[in-house]
Amino acid sequence: MNDRASPLAVDGFSAGYGNGEVIVHDASFALRRGAMTALVGPNGAGKSTLLKGALGLLPHANTACVRFFGQPLEQVRARVAYLPQRADIDWTFPASALDVAAMGLYRKIGFFRRVSGRWKTEARRALALVGMESLESMPIGELSGGQQQRVLLARSLVQGADLLMLDEPFVNVDFATEERLGAVLRDACRSGMSVLAVHHDLGDVRRYFDDAVLFDGTVVAHGPIEDALADANLHEAFKLGPPPEDSIA
């Protein structure tokens, strides 16, 4: 295991949904260890496709170009956690908030073993991190959108993964919840975890994240926030035309 390798490195990566439809083209970047990295770009740019493709969840993806901690995903799968978009989740599934958080433990305890004892304690601890401990018995379908997002993040955190790949983790949450989740993720990164999260609000990205991958079907820019989200890069990615020239005194 190469602990000095990037948590996620893609080199000339492409992905799509079959029938010759390629949405991600020749994408290359490497995440910095211990950093919160935002995946930013216009609607329809392929950000979710990039995450799913890198995880091998699409019919077309050249995953040979993808390395997690220097290895193919199947060799380090336990080190990677994924939170999909809300639309990809069945909210009618009969499970409590605690049940859903505990789902993140199945790799440790086995899919067909009962969750009890210290495993429930771990799940409760994760719910407490996101402020959901008082609602652990509530059916997941009866929670608000923001509360559901908190529970999903608890499920990801309880896995003990070294890389979190999150698809719009702040969607449908109020400002207080966003602040809490942002603080939880930053604390996790300070403890050695790395985060790659799809996000849309550039103000939030600048507030919470260290780095950004600016994406529009391919990588437009990648690096520290102020470099990646420079005006010229944003104008290119969002097809706004050339940025205005700086005024000359």
C-alpha atoms as a PDB file:
ATOM      1  CA  MET A   1       0.000   0.000   0.000  1.00  0.00           C
ATOM      2  CA  ASN A   2       1.434   3.350  -1.069  1.00  0.00           C
ATOM      3  CA  ASP A   3       0.302   5.879   1.536  1.00  0.00           C
ATOM      4  CA  ARG A   4       2.123   8.666  -0.287  1.00  0.00           C
ATOM      5  CA  ALA A   5       0.090   8.202  -3.471  1.00  0.00           C
ATOM      6  CA  SER A   6      -2.778  10.524  -4.365  1.00  0.00           C
ATOM      7  CA  PRO A   7      -6.169   9.437  -2.970  1.00  0.00           C
ATOM      8  CA  LEU A   8      -7.516   9.647  -6.521  1.00  0.00           C
ATOM      9  CA  ALA A   9      -5.570  10.145  -9.727  1.00  0.00           C
ATOM     10  CA  VAL A  10      -7.100  10.005 -13.210  1.00  0.00           C
ATOM     11  CA  ASP A  11      -5.032  10.231 -16.385  1.00  0.00           C
ATOM     12  CA  GLY A  12      -6.788  10.620 -19.730  1.00  0.00           C
ATOM     13  CA  PHE A  13     -10.033   9.304 -18.254  1.00  0.00           C
ATOM     14  CA  SER A  14     -13.282   9.092 -20.230  1.00  0.00           C
ATOM     15  CA  ALA A  15     -16.749   7.886 -19.231  1.00  0.00           C
ATOM     16  CA  GLY A  16     -20.322   7.753 -20.478  1.00  0.00           C
ATOM     17  CA  TYR A  17     -23.558   5.825 -20.451  1.00  0.00           C
ATOM     18  CA  GLY A  18     -23.108   3.536 -23.453  1.00  0.00           C
ATOM     19  CA  ASN A  19     -24.365   3.774 -27.060  1.00  0.00           C
ATOM     20  CA  GLY A  20     -21.230   5.721 -27.927  1.00  0.00           C
ATOM     21  CA  GLU A  21     -22.204   8.610 -25.634  1.00  0.00           C
ATOM     22  CA  VAL A  22     -19.036   9.913 -23.991  1.00  0.00           C
ATOM     23  CA  ILE A  23     -19.614  12.693 -21.457  1.00  0.00           C
ATOM     24  CA  VAL A  24     -16.230  12.844 -19.722  1.00  0.00           C
ATOM     25  CA  HIS A  25     -13.339  13.354 -22.123  1.00  0.00           C
ATOM     26  CA  ASP A  26      -9.610  12.935 -21.455  1.00  0.00           C
ATOM     27  CA  ALA A  27      -9.810  14.063 -17.805  1.00  0.00           C
ATOM     28  CA  SER A  28      -6.584  14.219 -15.812  1.00  0.00           C
ATOM     29  CA  PHE A  29      -5.967  15.373 -12.233  1.00  0.00           C
ATOM     30  CA  ALA A  30      -4.656  14.086  -8.908  1.00  0.00           C
ATOM     31  CA  LEU A  31      -6.157  14.943  -5.535  1.00  0.00           C
ATOM     32  CA  ARG A  32      -4.002  16.293  -2.742  1.00  0.00           C
ATOM     33  CA  ARG A  33      -3.982  14.163   0.395  1.00  0.00           C
ATOM     34  CA  GLY A  34      -5.862  15.647   3.352  1.00  0.00           C
ATOM     35  CA  ALA A  35      -7.540  18.304   1.207  1.00  0.00           C
ATOM     36  CA  MET A  36     -11.189  19.149   0.620  1.00  0.00           C
ATOM     37  CA  THR A  37     -11.516  19.363  -3.146  1.00  0.00           C
ATOM     38  CA  ALA A  38     -14.625  20.686  -4.893  1.00  0.00           C
ATOM     39  CA  LEU A  39     -15.665  19.388  -8.306  1.00  0.00           C
ATOM     40  CA  VAL A  40     -17.188  22.483  -9.916  1.00  0.00           C
ATOM     41  CA  GLY A  41     -18.650  23.263 -13.315  1.00  0.00           C
ATOM     42  CA  PRO A  42     -21.802  24.160 -15.260  1.00  0.00           C
ATOM     43  CA  ASN A  43     -24.951  22.028 -15.180  1.00  0.00           C
ATOM     44  CA  GLY A  44     -24.602  19.031 -17.480  1.00  0.00           C
ATOM     45  CA  ALA A  45     -20.816  19.206 -17.455  1.00  0.00           C
ATOM     46  CA  GLY A  46     -20.459  15.563 -16.370  1.00  0.00           C
ATOM     47  CA  LYS A  47     -19.422  16.003 -12.754  1.00  0.00           C
ATOM     48  CA  SER A  48     -21.585  13.158 -11.451  1.00  0.00           C
ATOM     49  CA  THR A  49     -20.567  11.058 -14.439  1.00  0.00           C
ATOM     50  CA  LEU A  50     -16.926  11.570 -13.499  1.00  0.00           C
ATOM     51  CA  LEU A  51     -17.536  10.300  -9.954  1.00  0.00           C
ATOM     52  CA  LYS A  52     -19.605   7.315 -11.036  1.00  0.00           C
ATOM     53  CA  GLY A  53     -17.240   6.427 -13.852  1.00  0.00           C
ATOM     54  CA  ALA A  54     -14.161   6.530 -11.650  1.00  0.00           C
ATOM     55  CA  LEU A  55     -15.964   4.151  -9.265  1.00  0.00           C
ATOM     56  CA  GLY A  56     -16.788   1.746 -12.088  1.00  0.00           C
ATOM     57  CA  LEU A  57     -20.550   2.371 -11.865  1.00  0.00           C
ATOM     58  CA  LEU A  58     -21.112   3.143 -15.563  1.00  0.00           C
ATOM     59  CA  PRO A  59     -21.230   0.921 -18.663  1.00  0.00           C
ATOM     60  CA  HIS A  60     -18.462   2.943 -20.291  1.00  0.00           C
ATOM     61  CA  ALA A  61     -15.431   4.049 -18.288  1.00  0.00           C
ATOM     62  CA  ASN A  62     -11.753   3.385 -18.908  1.00  0.00           C
ATOM     63  CA  THR A  63     -11.037   2.620 -15.258  1.00  0.00           C
ATOM     64  CA  ALA A  64      -7.530   1.451 -16.156  1.00  0.00           C
ATOM     65  CA  CYS A  65      -6.754   5.199 -16.140  1.00  0.00           C
ATOM     66  CA  VAL A  66      -7.950   5.548 -12.521  1.00  0.00           C
ATOM     67  CA  ARG A  67      -5.924   4.898  -9.383  1.00  0.00           C
ATOM     68  CA  PHE A  68      -6.988   5.169  -5.753  1.00  0.00           C
ATOM     69  CA  PHE A  69      -4.009   5.470  -3.420  1.00  0.00           C
ATOM     70  CA  GLY A  70      -1.893   4.205  -6.297  1.00  0.00           C
ATOM     71  CA  GLN A  71      -4.004   1.058  -6.753  1.00  0.00           C
ATOM     72  CA  PRO A  72      -7.027  -0.135  -8.764  1.00  0.00           C
ATOM     73  CA  LEU A  73     -10.249   0.413  -6.820  1.00  0.00           C
ATOM     74  CA  GLU A  74     -10.885  -3.276  -6.156  1.00  0.00           C
ATOM     75  CA  GLN A  75      -7.668  -3.470  -4.139  1.00  0.00           C
ATOM     76  CA  VAL A  76      -8.506  -0.539  -1.842  1.00  0.00           C
ATOM     77  CA  ARG A  77     -12.302  -0.433  -1.968  1.00  0.00           C
ATOM     78  CA  ALA A  78     -12.633  -0.286   1.814  1.00  0.00           C
ATOM     79  CA  ARG A  79     -10.696   2.993   1.819  1.00  0.00           C
ATOM     80  CA  VAL A  80     -13.218   4.763  -0.447  1.00  0.00           C
ATOM     81  CA  ALA A  81     -16.749   5.908   0.484  1.00  0.00           C
ATOM     82  CA  TYR A  82     -19.306   7.287  -1.956  1.00  0.00           C
ATOM     83  CA  LEU A  83     -22.396   9.408  -1.297  1.00  0.00           C
ATOM     84  CA  PRO A  84     -24.636   9.550  -4.409  1.00  0.00           C
ATOM     85  CA  GLN A  85     -27.122  12.217  -5.357  1.00  0.00           C
ATOM     86  CA  ARG A  86     -30.439  12.223  -3.499  1.00  0.00           C
ATOM     87  CA  ALA A  87     -32.269  11.199  -6.681  1.00  0.00           C
ATOM     88  CA  ASP A  88     -30.346   7.911  -6.727  1.00  0.00           C
ATOM     89  CA  ILE A  89     -31.652   6.831  -3.296  1.00  0.00           C
ATOM     90  CA  ASP A  90     -34.894   5.035  -2.433  1.00  0.00           C
ATOM     91  CA  TRP A  91     -36.314   7.108   0.412  1.00  0.00           C
ATOM     92  CA  THR A  92     -39.250   4.702   0.873  1.00  0.00           C
ATOM     93  CA  PHE A  93     -36.947   1.944   2.146  1.00  0.00           C
ATOM     94  CA  PRO A  94     -38.170   0.963   5.651  1.00  0.00           C
ATOM     95  CA  ALA A  95     -35.159   1.948   7.722  1.00  0.00           C
ATOM     96  CA  SER A  96     -34.468   4.306  10.607  1.00  0.00           C
ATOM     97  CA  ALA A  97     -31.767   6.944  10.665  1.00  0.00           C
ATOM     98  CA  LEU A  98     -29.664   4.602  12.809  1.00  0.00           C
ATOM     99  CA  ASP A  99     -30.199   1.719  10.369  1.00  0.00           C
ATOM    100  CA  VAL A 100     -29.014   3.858   7.456  1.00  0.00           C
ATOM    101  CA  ALA A 101     -25.941   5.123   9.314  1.00  0.00           C
ATOM    102  CA  ALA A 102     -25.081   1.538  10.293  1.00  0.00           C
ATOM    103  CA  MET A 103     -25.134   0.492   6.624  1.00  0.00           C
ATOM    104  CA  GLY A 104     -21.702   2.066   6.375  1.00  0.00           C
ATOM    105  CA  LEU A 105     -20.405  -0.675   8.698  1.00  0.00           C
ATOM    106  CA  TYR A 106     -21.366  -3.654   6.559  1.00  0.00           C
ATOM    107  CA  ARG A 107     -17.881  -4.081   5.118  1.00  0.00           C
ATOM    108  CA  LYS A 108     -16.594  -4.456   8.650  1.00  0.00           C
ATOM    109  CA  ILE A 109     -19.294  -6.723  10.103  1.00  0.00           C
ATOM    110  CA  GLY A 110     -20.630  -8.510   6.999  1.00  0.00           C
ATOM    111  CA  PHE A 111     -23.819  -7.897   5.036  1.00  0.00           C
ATOM    112  CA  PHE A 112     -25.860 -10.590   6.757  1.00  0.00           C
ATOM    113  CA  ARG A 113     -24.780 -10.099  10.352  1.00  0.00           C
ATOM    114  CA  ARG A 114     -26.880  -8.242  12.890  1.00  0.00           C
ATOM    115  CA  VAL A 115     -25.816  -4.719  13.841  1.00  0.00           C
ATOM    116  CA  SER A 116     -25.482  -4.662  17.608  1.00  0.00           C
ATOM    117  CA  GLY A 117     -23.223  -3.717  20.491  1.00  0.00           C
ATOM    118  CA  ARG A 118     -20.222  -1.616  19.591  1.00  0.00           C
ATOM    119  CA  TRP A 119     -21.344  -1.344  15.969  1.00  0.00           C
ATOM    120  CA  LYS A 120     -24.476   0.527  17.004  1.00  0.00           C
ATOM    121  CA  THR A 121     -22.283   2.682  19.218  1.00  0.00           C
ATOM    122  CA  GLU A 122     -20.149   3.592  16.196  1.00  0.00           C
ATOM    123  CA  ALA A 123     -23.236   4.421  14.143  1.00  0.00           C
ATOM    124  CA  ARG A 124     -24.611   6.584  16.963  1.00  0.00           C
ATOM    125  CA  ARG A 125     -21.284   8.382  17.241  1.00  0.00           C
ATOM    126  CA  ALA A 126     -21.413   9.193  13.519  1.00  0.00           C
ATOM    127  CA  LEU A 127     -24.989  10.477  13.851  1.00  0.00           C
ATOM    128  CA  ALA A 128     -23.871  12.672  16.750  1.00  0.00           C
ATOM    129  CA  LEU A 129     -21.144  14.196  14.582  1.00  0.00           C
ATOM    130  CA  VAL A 130     -23.789  15.476  12.172  1.00  0.00           C
ATOM    131  CA  GLY A 131     -26.306  16.424  14.873  1.00  0.00           C
ATOM    132  CA  MET A 132     -28.793  13.610  14.278  1.00  0.00           C
ATOM    133  CA  GLU A 133     -28.448  11.569  17.466  1.00  0.00           C
ATOM    134  CA  SER A 134     -31.872  12.635  18.776  1.00  0.00           C
ATOM    135  CA  LEU A 135     -33.617  11.340  15.628  1.00  0.00           C
ATOM    136  CA  GLU A 136     -31.933   7.942  15.347  1.00  0.00           C
ATOM    137  CA  SER A 137     -35.280   6.061  15.488  1.00  0.00           C
ATOM    138  CA  MET A 138     -37.023   8.236  12.900  1.00  0.00           C
ATOM    139  CA  PRO A 139     -37.842   6.496   9.568  1.00  0.00           C
ATOM    140  CA  ILE A 140     -35.482   7.890   6.933  1.00  0.00           C
ATOM    141  CA  GLY A 141     -38.396   8.769   4.636  1.00  0.00           C
ATOM    142  CA  GLU A 142     -39.961  11.028   7.279  1.00  0.00           C
ATOM    143  CA  LEU A 143     -36.888  13.205   7.728  1.00  0.00           C
ATOM    144  CA  SER A 144     -36.445  16.527   5.969  1.00  0.00           C
ATOM    145  CA  GLY A 145     -34.101  16.755   3.000  1.00  0.00           C
ATOM    146  CA  GLY A 146     -31.392  18.340   5.123  1.00  0.00           C
ATOM    147  CA  GLN A 147     -31.758  15.710   7.834  1.00  0.00           C
ATOM    148  CA  GLN A 148     -31.522  12.959   5.243  1.00  0.00           C
ATOM    149  CA  GLN A 149     -28.284  14.479   3.954  1.00  0.00           C
ATOM    150  CA  ARG A 150     -26.884  14.470   7.489  1.00  0.00           C
ATOM    151  CA  VAL A 151     -27.706  10.779   7.904  1.00  0.00           C
ATOM    152  CA  LEU A 152     -26.118   9.910   4.564  1.00  0.00           C
ATOM    153  CA  LEU A 153     -22.960  11.735   5.549  1.00  0.00           C
ATOM    154  CA  ALA A 154     -22.949   9.814   8.856  1.00  0.00           C
ATOM    155  CA  ARG A 155     -23.177   6.582   6.846  1.00  0.00           C
ATOM    156  CA  SER A 156     -20.149   7.650   4.813  1.00  0.00           C
ATOM    157  CA  LEU A 157     -18.149   8.742   7.862  1.00  0.00           C
ATOM    158  CA  VAL A 158     -18.772   5.544   9.824  1.00  0.00           C
ATOM    159  CA  GLN A 159     -17.062   3.533   7.100  1.00  0.00           C
ATOM    160  CA  GLY A 160     -13.743   4.894   8.289  1.00  0.00           C
ATOM    161  CA  ALA A 161     -12.726   5.511   4.686  1.00  0.00           C
ATOM    162  CA  ASP A 162      -9.682   7.556   3.698  1.00  0.00           C
ATOM    163  CA  LEU A 163     -11.418   9.166   0.698  1.00  0.00           C
ATOM    164  CA  LEU A 164     -14.983  10.480   0.620  1.00  0.00           C
ATOM    165  CA  MET A 165     -16.525  11.036  -2.830  1.00  0.00           C
ATOM    166  CA  LEU A 166     -19.681  13.090  -2.317  1.00  0.00           C
ATOM    167  CA  ASP A 167     -22.186  14.081  -4.998  1.00  0.00           C
ATOM    168  CA  GLU A 168     -23.771  17.383  -3.880  1.00  0.00           C
ATOM    169  CA  PRO A 169     -23.569  16.774  -0.110  1.00  0.00           C
ATOM    170  CA  PHE A 170     -24.986  20.234   0.728  1.00  0.00           C
ATOM    171  CA  VAL A 171     -28.099  20.034  -1.462  1.00  0.00           C
ATOM    172  CA  ASN A 172     -31.425  20.809   0.293  1.00  0.00           C
ATOM    173  CA  VAL A 173     -29.774  21.847   3.552  1.00  0.00           C
ATOM    174  CA  ASP A 174     -30.147  25.117   5.414  1.00  0.00           C
ATOM    175  CA  PHE A 175     -27.217  27.361   6.261  1.00  0.00           C
ATOM    176  CA  ALA A 176     -26.778  25.978   9.796  1.00  0.00           C
ATOM    177  CA  THR A 177     -26.667  22.403   8.492  1.00  0.00           C
ATOM    178  CA  GLU A 178     -24.264  23.394   5.754  1.00  0.00           C
ATOM    179  CA  GLU A 179     -21.977  25.005   8.319  1.00  0.00           C
ATOM    180  CA  ARG A 180     -22.069  21.901  10.489  1.00  0.00           C
ATOM    181  CA  LEU A 181     -21.412  19.480   7.645  1.00  0.00           C
ATOM    182  CA  GLY A 182     -18.610  21.683   6.334  1.00  0.00           C
ATOM    183  CA  ALA A 183     -16.988  21.710   9.777  1.00  0.00           C
ATOM    184  CA  VAL A 184     -17.325  17.921  10.105  1.00  0.00           C
ATOM    185  CA  LEU A 185     -15.655  17.389   6.742  1.00  0.00           C
ATOM    186  CA  ARG A 186     -12.846  19.834   7.504  1.00  0.00           C
ATOM    187  CA  ASP A 187     -12.193  18.074  10.821  1.00  0.00           C
ATOM    188  CA  ALA A 188     -12.086  14.741   9.001  1.00  0.00           C
ATOM    189  CA  CYS A 189      -9.530  16.133   6.558  1.00  0.00           C
ATOM    190  CA  ARG A 190      -7.404  17.425   9.410  1.00  0.00           C
ATOM    191  CA  SER A 191      -7.394  13.837  10.697  1.00  0.00           C
ATOM    192  CA  GLY A 192      -6.031  12.575   7.377  1.00  0.00           C
ATOM    193  CA  MET A 193      -9.124  11.962   5.283  1.00  0.00           C
ATOM    194  CA  SER A 194      -9.478  13.419   1.779  1.00  0.00           C
ATOM    195  CA  VAL A 195     -12.724  14.696   0.219  1.00  0.00           C
ATOM    196  CA  LEU A 196     -13.882  15.147  -3.360  1.00  0.00           C
ATOM    197  CA  ALA A 197     -17.346  16.732  -3.516  1.00  0.00           C
ATOM    198  CA  VAL A 198     -19.521  17.989  -6.352  1.00  0.00           C
ATOM    199  CA  HIS A 199     -20.718  21.475  -5.472  1.00  0.00           C
ATOM    200  CA  HIS A 200     -22.351  24.364  -7.327  1.00  0.00           C
ATOM    201  CA  ASP A 201     -22.147  27.462  -5.169  1.00  0.00           C
ATOM    202  CA  LEU A 202     -18.800  29.139  -5.772  1.00  0.00           C
ATOM    203  CA  GLY A 203     -19.127  31.167  -2.583  1.00  0.00           C
ATOM    204  CA  ASP A 204     -19.491  27.986  -0.557  1.00  0.00           C
ATOM    205  CA  VAL A 205     -16.590  26.412  -2.411  1.00  0.00           C
ATOM    206  CA  ARG A 206     -14.349  29.294  -1.423  1.00  0.00           C
ATOM    207  CA  ARG A 207     -15.608  29.095   2.169  1.00  0.00           C
ATOM    208  CA  TYR A 208     -15.159  25.383   2.817  1.00  0.00           C
ATOM    209  CA  PHE A 209     -12.766  23.881   0.286  1.00  0.00           C
ATOM    210  CA  ASP A 210      -8.998  23.904  -0.165  1.00  0.00           C
ATOM    211  CA  ASP A 211      -8.746  22.902  -3.829  1.00  0.00           C
ATOM    212  CA  ALA A 212     -11.029  22.725  -6.851  1.00  0.00           C
ATOM    213  CA  VAL A 213     -11.330  20.754 -10.057  1.00  0.00           C
ATOM    214  CA  LEU A 214     -13.051  23.058 -12.550  1.00  0.00           C
ATOM    215  CA  PHE A 215     -14.791  20.773 -14.998  1.00  0.00           C
ATOM    216  CA  ASP A 216     -16.710  21.065 -18.262  1.00  0.00           C
ATOM    217  CA  GLY A 217     -16.617  17.627 -19.832  1.00  0.00           C
ATOM    218  CA  THR A 218     -12.884  17.694 -19.212  1.00  0.00           C
ATOM    219  CA  VAL A 219     -10.642  19.385 -16.669  1.00  0.00           C
ATOM    220  CA  VAL A 220     -10.394  23.125 -17.309  1.00  0.00           C
ATOM    221  CA  ALA A 221      -8.262  23.838 -14.225  1.00  0.00           C
ATOM    222  CA  HIS A 222      -7.193  22.106 -11.012  1.00  0.00           C
ATOM    223  CA  GLY A 223      -5.373  23.339  -7.953  1.00  0.00           C
ATOM    224  CA  PRO A 224      -5.795  25.654  -4.965  1.00  0.00           C
ATOM    225  CA  ILE A 225      -9.127  27.484  -4.972  1.00  0.00           C
ATOM    226  CA  GLU A 226      -7.888  30.915  -6.019  1.00  0.00           C
ATOM    227  CA  ASP A 227      -5.851  29.477  -8.885  1.00  0.00           C
ATOM    228  CA  ALA A 228      -8.421  27.000 -10.192  1.00  0.00           C
ATOM    229  CA  LEU A 229     -11.301  29.476  -9.919  1.00  0.00           C
ATOM    230  CA  ALA A 230      -9.486  32.431 -11.442  1.00  0.00           C
ATOM    231  CA  ASP A 231     -11.731  34.589 -13.623  1.00  0.00           C
ATOM    232  CA  ALA A 232     -10.203  33.388 -16.889  1.00  0.00           C
ATOM    233  CA  ASN A 233     -10.847  29.749 -15.967  1.00  0.00           C
ATOM    234  CA  LEU A 234     -14.434  30.422 -14.893  1.00  0.00           C
ATOM    235  CA  HIS A 235     -15.174  32.285 -18.119  1.00  0.00           C
ATOM    236  CA  GLU A 236     -13.833  29.323 -20.096  1.00  0.00           C
ATOM    237  CA  ALA A 237     -15.700  26.636 -18.145  1.00  0.00           C
ATOM    238  CA  PHE A 238     -19.023  28.482 -18.020  1.00  0.00           C
ATOM    239  CA  LYS A 239     -18.639  29.752 -21.606  1.00  0.00           C
ATOM    240  CA  LEU A 240     -18.937  33.377 -20.603  1.00  0.00           C
ATOM    241  CA  GLY A 241     -16.543  34.645 -23.235  1.00  0.00           C
ATOM    242  CA  PRO A 242     -13.205  36.289 -22.451  1.00  0.00           C
ATOM    243  CA  PRO A 243     -12.922  37.906 -19.014  1.00  0.00           C
ATOM    244  CA  PRO A 244     -12.860  41.681 -18.899  1.00  0.00           C
ATOM    245  CA  GLU A 245      -9.404  43.153 -19.097  1.00  0.00           C
ATOM    246  CA  ASP A 246      -8.035  44.685 -15.955  1.00  0.00           C
ATOM    247  CA  SER A 247      -8.347  48.450 -15.977  1.00  0.00           C
ATOM    248  CA  ILE A 248      -5.093  50.306 -16.425  1.00  0.00           C
ATOM    249  CA  ALA A 249      -4.480  53.297 -14.209  1.00  0.00           C
END
